[in-house]
Amino acid sequence: MNFETFLKSISKIEHIPLPGQESQFKMSPPYRNILIRQQEEAMKTAKQAGVMALFYPDREQNTKLMLILRKTYRGVHSAQVGFPGGKLEADDPSIEYAALRETFEEVGVPLGMITVLKQMTSLYIPPSNFTVYPFLGIAKETPTFLKQDDEVEDLIEVNFRDFINDNHVTSQMIMTSLKQQVEVPVFKLNGHTVWGATAMMLSEIKDLLKTVL
């Protein structure tokens, strides 16, 4: 989709109700409810993080969505696809600011270049005990990306037409943080498998955008 057309389509998105958890649960792993019940007490003191679903024009003015491939490390989100973003720090004035700051740190897009259009539905992530707050943002100019090499393995620039296409949603057997093979719903984007919390947040963003397209 041409970026100017995209901007016109989403101009009223601020006043549209969020699809909410019903939309997120379309892409929920089948074992999620069990983990939630196991961590009811931990949820009360969960850490907080902000992430950014950033849409922007490429050099040809096609609409793109930025995702990142995280580095391989000893942790539950090792080598997974996600949004740029990260933990709320003590000196962050808000969770939105944390999402903007972390986006700058991880992919190099300055805070002043991003317009936040809407805060999406928050999501609790049992394996890491984080509540994540996603934001939908736009950069009206083509960013010059600079990835944070110690945390980001690769930048994944997804064509909007691929993201919005239902044919890119399927299911796949995944090795979970519980060391079990489970069939889960996934997005297939740019040759990458996107599942879990990121897929759940993408599902709500996709359903919201479809209401104005």
Protein backbone atom coordinates (compact mmCIF):
# COMPACT_ATOMS: atom_id res chain seq x y z
CA MET A 1 0.00 0.00 0.00
CA ASN A 2 1.20 3.49 -0.84
CA PHE A 3 2.13 5.33 2.35
CA GLU A 4 0.03 8.42 1.62
CA THR A 5 -2.99 6.16 1.12
CA PHE A 6 -2.13 4.41 4.38
CA LEU A 7 -1.97 7.73 6.26
CA LYS A 8 -5.35 8.81 4.93
CA SER A 9 -6.89 5.46 5.86
CA ILE A 10 -5.72 5.58 9.48
CA SER A 11 -6.49 9.27 10.09
CA LYS A 12 -9.52 8.41 12.26
CA ILE A 13 -8.00 5.43 14.05
CA GLU A 14 -7.56 7.33 17.32
CA HIS A 15 -11.32 7.26 17.95
CA ILE A 16 -11.95 3.61 17.01
CA PRO A 17 -12.35 1.14 19.91
CA LEU A 18 -9.62 -1.46 20.30
CA PRO A 19 -10.40 -5.04 19.25
CA GLY A 20 -8.87 -6.07 22.58
CA GLN A 21 -8.10 -9.48 24.01
CA GLU A 22 -10.55 -11.28 21.72
CA SER A 23 -8.34 -10.30 18.81
CA GLN A 24 -5.12 -11.16 20.64
CA PHE A 25 -6.40 -14.61 21.60
CA LYS A 26 -6.73 -15.60 17.93
CA MET A 27 -2.95 -16.05 17.97
CA SER A 28 -2.58 -17.33 21.53
CA PRO A 29 -0.56 -20.51 22.16
CA PRO A 30 -2.83 -23.24 23.56
CA TYR A 31 -0.97 -23.49 26.86
CA ARG A 32 -1.18 -19.76 27.70
CA ASN A 33 -4.18 -20.05 30.06
CA ILE A 34 -2.35 -22.68 32.12
CA LEU A 35 0.67 -20.40 32.51
CA ILE A 36 -1.54 -17.46 33.46
CA ARG A 37 -3.19 -19.47 36.23
CA GLN A 38 0.21 -20.60 37.48
CA GLN A 39 1.46 -17.02 37.73
CA GLU A 40 -1.53 -15.17 39.12
CA GLU A 41 0.51 -13.92 42.08
CA ALA A 42 3.55 -13.02 39.96
CA MET A 43 1.35 -10.92 37.65
CA LYS A 44 0.64 -8.52 40.50
CA THR A 45 4.28 -7.38 40.55
CA ALA A 46 5.14 -7.95 36.87
CA LYS A 47 7.80 -5.78 35.29
CA GLN A 48 6.64 -3.37 32.58
CA ALA A 49 7.84 -2.87 29.03
CA GLY A 50 6.80 -0.71 26.09
CA VAL A 51 7.10 -1.76 22.45
CA MET A 52 6.52 0.07 19.19
CA ALA A 53 4.67 -1.15 16.09
CA LEU A 54 6.28 1.34 13.72
CA PHE A 55 4.86 1.92 10.23
CA TYR A 56 6.84 4.02 7.76
CA PRO A 57 7.45 4.57 4.03
CA ASP A 58 10.35 2.93 2.22
CA ARG A 59 12.26 4.73 -0.57
CA GLU A 60 9.50 3.85 -3.05
CA GLN A 61 6.79 5.11 -0.66
CA ASN A 62 5.48 1.63 0.10
CA THR A 63 4.18 1.14 3.65
CA LYS A 64 6.41 -1.02 5.87
CA LEU A 65 6.29 -2.37 9.42
CA MET A 66 9.48 -2.76 11.45
CA LEU A 67 10.13 -5.95 13.38
CA ILE A 68 13.41 -7.19 14.84
CA LEU A 69 15.10 -10.54 15.23
CA ARG A 70 16.60 -10.74 18.69
CA LYS A 71 20.04 -12.14 19.37
CA THR A 72 20.55 -15.69 20.57
CA TYR A 73 21.09 -15.56 24.32
CA ARG A 74 20.24 -17.45 27.50
CA GLY A 75 16.69 -16.27 27.93
CA VAL A 76 13.07 -17.07 27.08
CA HIS A 77 12.93 -14.71 24.07
CA SER A 78 16.22 -15.80 22.51
CA ALA A 79 16.31 -15.62 18.67
CA GLN A 80 12.64 -14.61 18.47
CA VAL A 81 11.00 -12.00 16.27
CA GLY A 82 9.54 -9.06 18.16
CA PHE A 83 8.90 -5.34 18.15
CA PRO A 84 11.56 -2.81 19.03
CA GLY A 85 11.07 -1.85 22.66
CA GLY A 86 12.04 -2.79 26.16
CA LYS A 87 11.82 -2.41 29.90
CA LEU A 88 10.45 0.64 31.69
CA GLU A 89 13.37 2.27 33.48
CA ALA A 90 13.13 4.26 36.70
CA ASP A 91 13.85 7.58 34.96
CA ASP A 92 11.34 7.05 32.11
CA PRO A 93 8.45 9.51 32.53
CA SER A 94 5.94 7.08 30.97
CA ILE A 95 5.61 3.67 29.38
CA GLU A 96 5.09 5.39 26.01
CA TYR A 97 8.42 7.17 26.46
CA ALA A 98 10.06 3.83 27.28
CA ALA A 99 8.78 2.41 23.98
CA LEU A 100 10.09 5.42 22.07
CA ARG A 101 13.45 5.40 23.86
CA GLU A 102 13.99 1.69 23.35
CA THR A 103 13.02 1.98 19.68
CA PHE A 104 15.72 4.60 19.26
CA GLU A 105 18.26 2.47 21.11
CA GLU A 106 17.46 -0.74 19.21
CA VAL A 107 16.83 0.46 15.65
CA GLY A 108 18.06 4.07 15.62
CA VAL A 109 14.82 5.97 14.91
CA PRO A 110 14.87 9.29 16.84
CA LEU A 111 12.07 9.89 19.33
CA GLY A 112 10.96 13.08 17.56
CA MET A 113 10.50 11.25 14.26
CA ILE A 114 7.76 8.96 15.60
CA THR A 115 4.14 10.00 16.07
CA VAL A 116 2.29 7.67 18.44
CA LEU A 117 -1.25 7.18 17.14
CA LYS A 118 -2.67 4.78 19.69
CA GLN A 119 -1.87 2.63 22.69
CA MET A 120 -2.97 -0.95 22.07
CA THR A 121 -4.16 -3.54 24.60
CA SER A 122 -1.51 -4.55 27.13
CA LEU A 123 -0.43 -8.19 27.31
CA TYR A 124 1.06 -10.25 30.12
CA ILE A 125 3.93 -12.57 29.14
CA PRO A 126 4.20 -15.46 31.63
CA PRO A 127 7.69 -16.82 30.75
CA SER A 128 9.40 -13.50 31.49
CA ASN A 129 6.84 -12.04 33.95
CA PHE A 130 6.42 -8.82 31.95
CA THR A 131 3.32 -6.82 31.15
CA VAL A 132 3.94 -5.34 27.71
CA TYR A 133 2.29 -2.16 26.47
CA PRO A 134 2.27 -1.92 22.65
CA PHE A 135 1.98 1.38 20.80
CA LEU A 136 1.07 2.01 17.17
CA GLY A 137 3.33 4.67 15.70
CA ILE A 138 4.25 6.18 12.36
CA ALA A 139 7.31 7.85 10.89
CA LYS A 140 6.28 10.05 7.97
CA GLU A 141 9.74 9.92 6.42
CA THR A 142 11.93 6.93 5.57
CA PRO A 143 14.06 6.27 8.67
CA THR A 144 17.76 5.58 8.56
CA PHE A 145 17.92 2.48 10.70
CA LEU A 146 20.87 1.63 12.93
CA LYS A 147 20.52 -1.63 14.81
CA GLN A 148 21.86 -2.21 18.31
CA ASP A 149 24.32 -5.00 17.54
CA ASP A 150 24.51 -6.47 21.03
CA GLU A 151 20.72 -7.07 21.22
CA VAL A 152 19.40 -7.11 17.64
CA GLU A 153 20.44 -9.76 15.14
CA ASP A 154 18.53 -8.37 12.18
CA LEU A 155 15.96 -5.77 11.11
CA ILE A 156 12.85 -7.15 9.42
CA GLU A 157 11.06 -4.69 7.15
CA VAL A 158 7.64 -6.20 6.46
CA ASN A 159 5.52 -5.07 3.53
CA PHE A 160 2.14 -3.88 4.77
CA ARG A 161 0.35 -5.95 2.12
CA ASP A 162 2.02 -9.09 3.51
CA PHE A 163 1.17 -8.22 7.11
CA ILE A 164 -2.51 -7.62 6.35
CA ASN A 165 -2.84 -10.73 4.15
CA ASP A 166 -4.64 -13.58 5.95
CA ASN A 167 -2.68 -16.10 3.86
CA HIS A 168 0.38 -15.29 5.99
CA VAL A 169 -1.31 -16.71 9.10
CA THR A 170 -0.90 -20.43 9.69
CA SER A 171 0.13 -22.86 12.46
CA GLN A 172 3.43 -24.55 13.23
CA MET A 173 5.06 -26.84 15.77
CA ILE A 174 7.22 -24.71 18.09
CA MET A 175 9.64 -25.57 20.90
CA THR A 176 8.37 -23.49 23.82
CA SER A 177 10.12 -22.13 26.89
CA LEU A 178 8.69 -25.19 28.67
CA LYS A 179 10.83 -27.39 26.38
CA GLN A 180 7.74 -28.87 24.75
CA GLN A 181 6.78 -29.12 21.09
CA VAL A 182 3.38 -27.45 20.68
CA GLU A 183 1.35 -26.45 17.62
CA VAL A 184 0.76 -22.70 17.77
CA PRO A 185 -0.75 -20.06 15.45
CA VAL A 186 1.94 -18.04 13.66
CA PHE A 187 2.52 -15.25 11.19
CA LYS A 188 4.91 -16.05 8.33
CA LEU A 189 6.60 -12.76 7.43
CA ASN A 190 9.74 -12.25 5.35
CA GLY A 191 10.68 -15.89 5.85
CA HIS A 192 10.41 -15.57 9.64
CA THR A 193 8.01 -17.27 12.03
CA VAL A 194 6.30 -14.84 14.41
CA TRP A 195 4.43 -16.40 17.33
CA GLY A 196 3.56 -15.97 20.99
CA ALA A 197 3.10 -12.50 22.47
CA THR A 198 4.31 -10.68 19.35
CA ALA A 199 1.80 -12.57 17.16
CA MET A 200 -0.96 -11.80 19.66
CA MET A 201 -0.18 -8.07 19.57
CA LEU A 202 0.13 -8.13 15.77
CA SER A 203 -3.31 -9.74 15.57
CA GLU A 204 -4.94 -6.83 17.38
CA ILE A 205 -3.09 -4.26 15.27
CA LYS A 206 -4.12 -6.07 12.10
CA ASP A 207 -7.78 -6.26 13.13
CA LEU A 208 -7.79 -2.58 14.10
CA LEU A 209 -6.26 -1.48 10.78
CA LYS A 210 -8.71 -3.59 8.81
CA THR A 211 -11.56 -1.49 10.21
CA VAL A 212 -10.28 1.59 8.34
CA LEU A 213 -8.90 0.04 5.14
